[in-house]
N, C-alpha and C. Protein backbone atom coordinates (compact mmCIF):
# COMPACT_ATOMS: atom_id res chain seq x y z
N MET A 1 11.08 14.97 12.87
CA MET A 1 9.99 14.56 12.01
C MET A 1 9.73 13.05 12.06
N PHE A 2 10.81 12.27 11.90
CA PHE A 2 10.69 10.82 11.94
C PHE A 2 11.78 10.26 12.85
N LYS A 3 11.42 9.27 13.63
CA LYS A 3 12.39 8.59 14.47
C LYS A 3 12.39 7.10 14.09
N PHE A 4 13.58 6.56 13.84
CA PHE A 4 13.72 5.17 13.41
C PHE A 4 14.64 4.40 14.34
N ASN A 5 14.35 3.12 14.51
CA ASN A 5 15.30 2.19 15.08
C ASN A 5 15.87 1.43 13.88
N VAL A 6 17.18 1.53 13.69
CA VAL A 6 17.86 0.90 12.55
C VAL A 6 18.64 -0.29 13.08
N THR A 7 18.40 -1.48 12.50
CA THR A 7 19.10 -2.68 12.92
C THR A 7 19.91 -3.23 11.76
N PRO A 8 21.23 -2.97 11.75
CA PRO A 8 22.09 -3.50 10.69
C PRO A 8 22.31 -5.00 10.87
N ASP A 9 22.57 -5.71 9.78
CA ASP A 9 22.86 -7.13 9.86
C ASP A 9 24.16 -7.40 10.61
N ASP A 10 25.10 -6.47 10.53
CA ASP A 10 26.44 -6.72 11.06
C ASP A 10 26.88 -5.77 12.17
N GLY A 11 25.93 -5.27 12.93
CA GLY A 11 26.31 -4.35 14.01
C GLY A 11 25.15 -4.09 14.94
N PRO A 12 25.42 -3.27 15.96
CA PRO A 12 24.36 -2.98 16.93
C PRO A 12 23.30 -2.04 16.34
N ALA A 13 22.11 -2.18 16.86
CA ALA A 13 21.00 -1.30 16.45
C ALA A 13 21.27 0.10 16.97
N TYR A 14 20.72 1.07 16.27
CA TYR A 14 20.83 2.46 16.71
C TYR A 14 19.55 3.20 16.37
N GLU A 15 19.34 4.30 17.08
CA GLU A 15 18.18 5.15 16.85
C GLU A 15 18.64 6.40 16.10
N VAL A 16 17.86 6.79 15.11
CA VAL A 16 18.19 7.98 14.34
C VAL A 16 16.92 8.81 14.16
N VAL A 17 17.08 10.12 14.28
CA VAL A 17 15.97 11.05 14.07
C VAL A 17 16.21 11.78 12.76
N ALA A 18 15.26 11.67 11.85
CA ALA A 18 15.33 12.37 10.57
C ALA A 18 14.64 13.72 10.74
N THR A 19 15.35 14.77 10.37
CA THR A 19 14.81 16.12 10.49
C THR A 19 14.39 16.62 9.11
N THR A 20 13.94 17.87 9.06
CA THR A 20 13.54 18.45 7.79
C THR A 20 14.68 18.47 6.79
N ARG A 21 15.94 18.58 7.26
CA ARG A 21 17.08 18.53 6.34
C ARG A 21 17.13 17.21 5.59
N ASP A 22 16.84 16.12 6.29
CA ASP A 22 16.88 14.79 5.67
C ASP A 22 15.71 14.61 4.70
N VAL A 23 14.55 15.10 5.09
CA VAL A 23 13.38 15.03 4.21
C VAL A 23 13.61 15.87 2.97
N ALA A 24 14.19 17.05 3.13
CA ALA A 24 14.47 17.91 1.98
C ALA A 24 15.48 17.23 1.03
N LYS A 25 16.48 16.57 1.59
CA LYS A 25 17.45 15.87 0.73
C LYS A 25 16.76 14.72 -0.01
N TRP A 26 15.88 14.01 0.67
CA TRP A 26 15.12 12.94 0.03
C TRP A 26 14.28 13.51 -1.12
N GLU A 27 13.64 14.66 -0.90
CA GLU A 27 12.84 15.28 -1.96
C GLU A 27 13.72 15.66 -3.16
N ARG A 28 14.90 16.23 -2.89
CA ARG A 28 15.80 16.65 -3.97
C ARG A 28 16.37 15.48 -4.76
N THR A 29 16.53 14.32 -4.12
CA THR A 29 17.19 13.19 -4.77
C THR A 29 16.23 12.09 -5.23
N THR A 30 14.94 12.29 -5.03
CA THR A 30 13.95 11.28 -5.42
C THR A 30 12.92 11.94 -6.33
N LYS A 31 12.88 11.51 -7.56
CA LYS A 31 11.98 12.11 -8.55
C LYS A 31 10.53 12.02 -8.08
N GLY A 32 9.85 13.16 -8.08
CA GLY A 32 8.44 13.22 -7.73
C GLY A 32 8.14 13.17 -6.25
N ALA A 33 9.18 13.13 -5.41
CA ALA A 33 8.96 13.02 -3.97
C ALA A 33 8.52 14.35 -3.38
N SER A 34 7.58 14.26 -2.43
CA SER A 34 7.15 15.44 -1.68
C SER A 34 6.66 14.99 -0.32
N LEU A 35 6.78 15.87 0.65
CA LEU A 35 6.30 15.54 1.98
C LEU A 35 4.80 15.27 1.96
N ALA A 36 4.05 16.06 1.21
CA ALA A 36 2.60 15.84 1.11
C ALA A 36 2.30 14.47 0.52
N GLY A 37 3.05 14.08 -0.50
CA GLY A 37 2.86 12.76 -1.11
C GLY A 37 3.21 11.64 -0.13
N LEU A 38 4.27 11.83 0.65
CA LEU A 38 4.67 10.84 1.64
C LEU A 38 3.58 10.66 2.69
N GLN A 39 3.00 11.77 3.12
CA GLN A 39 1.96 11.70 4.14
C GLN A 39 0.70 10.99 3.64
N SER A 40 0.40 11.13 2.36
CA SER A 40 -0.82 10.50 1.84
C SER A 40 -0.59 9.07 1.36
N ASP A 41 0.64 8.72 1.03
CA ASP A 41 0.93 7.38 0.50
C ASP A 41 2.35 6.97 0.92
N MET A 42 2.49 6.61 2.19
CA MET A 42 3.80 6.28 2.74
C MET A 42 4.26 4.91 2.25
N LYS A 43 5.48 4.88 1.70
CA LYS A 43 6.07 3.65 1.17
C LYS A 43 7.35 3.35 1.93
N ALA A 44 7.60 2.07 2.14
CA ALA A 44 8.81 1.65 2.87
C ALA A 44 10.07 2.15 2.20
N VAL A 45 10.11 2.13 0.88
CA VAL A 45 11.32 2.58 0.18
C VAL A 45 11.62 4.04 0.51
N ASP A 46 10.61 4.86 0.66
CA ASP A 46 10.82 6.26 1.01
C ASP A 46 11.33 6.39 2.45
N LEU A 47 10.79 5.59 3.35
CA LEU A 47 11.26 5.62 4.73
C LEU A 47 12.72 5.19 4.80
N TYR A 48 13.10 4.16 4.02
CA TYR A 48 14.50 3.74 3.98
C TYR A 48 15.40 4.87 3.50
N ARG A 49 14.97 5.57 2.47
CA ARG A 49 15.80 6.66 1.94
C ARG A 49 15.94 7.80 2.95
N ILE A 50 14.88 8.12 3.63
CA ILE A 50 14.95 9.18 4.64
C ILE A 50 15.84 8.75 5.80
N ALA A 51 15.69 7.51 6.27
CA ALA A 51 16.53 6.99 7.35
C ALA A 51 17.99 6.94 6.92
N TYR A 52 18.24 6.61 5.66
CA TYR A 52 19.60 6.59 5.13
C TYR A 52 20.22 7.99 5.19
N HIS A 53 19.51 8.97 4.67
CA HIS A 53 20.04 10.34 4.68
C HIS A 53 20.34 10.81 6.11
N ALA A 54 19.45 10.49 7.04
CA ALA A 54 19.66 10.87 8.44
C ALA A 54 20.87 10.14 9.02
N SER A 55 21.00 8.87 8.73
CA SER A 55 22.11 8.07 9.26
C SER A 55 23.45 8.56 8.74
N VAL A 56 23.51 8.88 7.46
CA VAL A 56 24.75 9.40 6.87
C VAL A 56 25.08 10.77 7.46
N ARG A 57 24.10 11.65 7.52
CA ARG A 57 24.33 13.01 8.02
C ARG A 57 24.84 12.99 9.46
N GLN A 58 24.34 12.04 10.25
CA GLN A 58 24.72 11.98 11.66
C GLN A 58 25.94 11.09 11.90
N GLY A 59 26.57 10.60 10.82
CA GLY A 59 27.78 9.79 10.96
C GLY A 59 27.56 8.39 11.48
N LEU A 60 26.35 7.89 11.33
CA LEU A 60 26.02 6.56 11.83
C LEU A 60 26.13 5.48 10.75
N TYR A 61 26.23 5.89 9.50
CA TYR A 61 26.34 4.96 8.37
C TYR A 61 27.19 5.60 7.30
N ALA A 62 28.05 4.77 6.66
CA ALA A 62 28.97 5.31 5.66
C ALA A 62 28.89 4.62 4.31
N GLY A 63 27.96 3.70 4.11
CA GLY A 63 27.85 2.98 2.84
C GLY A 63 26.90 3.64 1.87
N THR A 64 26.57 2.90 0.85
CA THR A 64 25.65 3.38 -0.18
C THR A 64 24.19 3.15 0.25
N LEU A 65 23.29 3.85 -0.43
CA LEU A 65 21.86 3.65 -0.18
C LEU A 65 21.47 2.19 -0.45
N ALA A 66 21.97 1.64 -1.55
CA ALA A 66 21.64 0.24 -1.90
C ALA A 66 22.11 -0.71 -0.80
N ASP A 67 23.30 -0.49 -0.27
CA ASP A 67 23.80 -1.34 0.81
C ASP A 67 22.97 -1.17 2.07
N PHE A 68 22.57 0.07 2.36
CA PHE A 68 21.73 0.35 3.52
C PHE A 68 20.41 -0.41 3.42
N GLU A 69 19.79 -0.34 2.25
CA GLU A 69 18.50 -1.04 2.05
C GLU A 69 18.66 -2.55 2.16
N ASP A 70 19.80 -3.07 1.68
CA ASP A 70 20.01 -4.52 1.67
C ASP A 70 20.46 -5.08 3.01
N SER A 71 20.98 -4.24 3.91
CA SER A 71 21.61 -4.77 5.12
C SER A 71 21.02 -4.26 6.43
N THR A 72 19.90 -3.55 6.37
CA THR A 72 19.31 -3.04 7.61
C THR A 72 17.80 -3.30 7.64
N ASP A 73 17.29 -3.39 8.84
CA ASP A 73 15.84 -3.41 9.07
C ASP A 73 15.49 -2.12 9.79
N LEU A 74 14.30 -1.62 9.50
CA LEU A 74 13.83 -0.37 10.11
C LEU A 74 12.56 -0.60 10.91
N ASP A 75 12.49 0.08 12.03
CA ASP A 75 11.25 0.20 12.77
C ASP A 75 10.99 1.70 12.90
N VAL A 76 9.83 2.13 12.50
CA VAL A 76 9.47 3.53 12.66
C VAL A 76 8.97 3.68 14.09
N LEU A 77 9.68 4.48 14.87
CA LEU A 77 9.33 4.66 16.28
C LEU A 77 8.36 5.79 16.50
N ASP A 78 8.46 6.82 15.66
CA ASP A 78 7.64 7.99 15.89
C ASP A 78 7.50 8.77 14.59
N LEU A 79 6.32 9.23 14.33
CA LEU A 79 6.08 10.12 13.20
C LEU A 79 5.53 11.41 13.77
N GLU A 80 6.30 12.46 13.71
CA GLU A 80 5.82 13.76 14.18
C GLU A 80 5.05 14.45 13.08
N ASP A 81 4.02 15.16 13.45
CA ASP A 81 3.26 15.96 12.49
C ASP A 81 4.12 17.14 12.08
N PRO A 82 4.52 17.24 10.79
CA PRO A 82 5.37 18.34 10.38
C PRO A 82 4.69 19.71 10.37
N ASP A 83 3.37 19.73 10.53
CA ASP A 83 2.63 20.99 10.55
C ASP A 83 2.06 21.18 11.96
N PRO A 84 2.78 21.92 12.82
CA PRO A 84 2.31 22.05 14.21
C PRO A 84 1.03 22.85 14.34
N THR A 85 0.56 23.47 13.27
CA THR A 85 -0.69 24.24 13.35
C THR A 85 -1.90 23.39 13.04
N ARG A 86 -1.68 22.18 12.51
CA ARG A 86 -2.79 21.31 12.14
C ARG A 86 -3.45 20.73 13.38
N SER A 87 -4.74 20.67 13.37
CA SER A 87 -5.52 20.15 14.49
C SER A 87 -5.30 18.66 14.64
N ALA A 88 -5.35 18.19 15.88
CA ALA A 88 -5.21 16.77 16.16
C ALA A 88 -6.52 16.03 15.94
N ALA A 89 -7.61 16.72 15.69
CA ALA A 89 -8.93 16.10 15.54
C ALA A 89 -9.08 15.36 14.26
C-alpha cells in the first residue's frame, strides 16, 4: 500500500513497505482514523504512524512511536491504490 524510505538520525536509511496489516493497526490505534479519511486528507503524522507500525512489524525498529517521530525522516516512495478496481482516469 505504502512504501517509505526511513532515515534515522543514528543509523542507515532503510526502505519499508506498509501493508494492509499496518494500515489496519493504525486505524485501530488512532481515534477517528480510516483509510478513506487518509486518502482524502493525508497528514504527515498519519504517515509516520503507518511507517512506524510497518517498521516494528518487520523488525526494523524497536523504539516507541514518539521516538520514531522524533528521530527519523520519511520519504514516501510510492502510494499504491488500495482499490484495484478503481479506474485510473
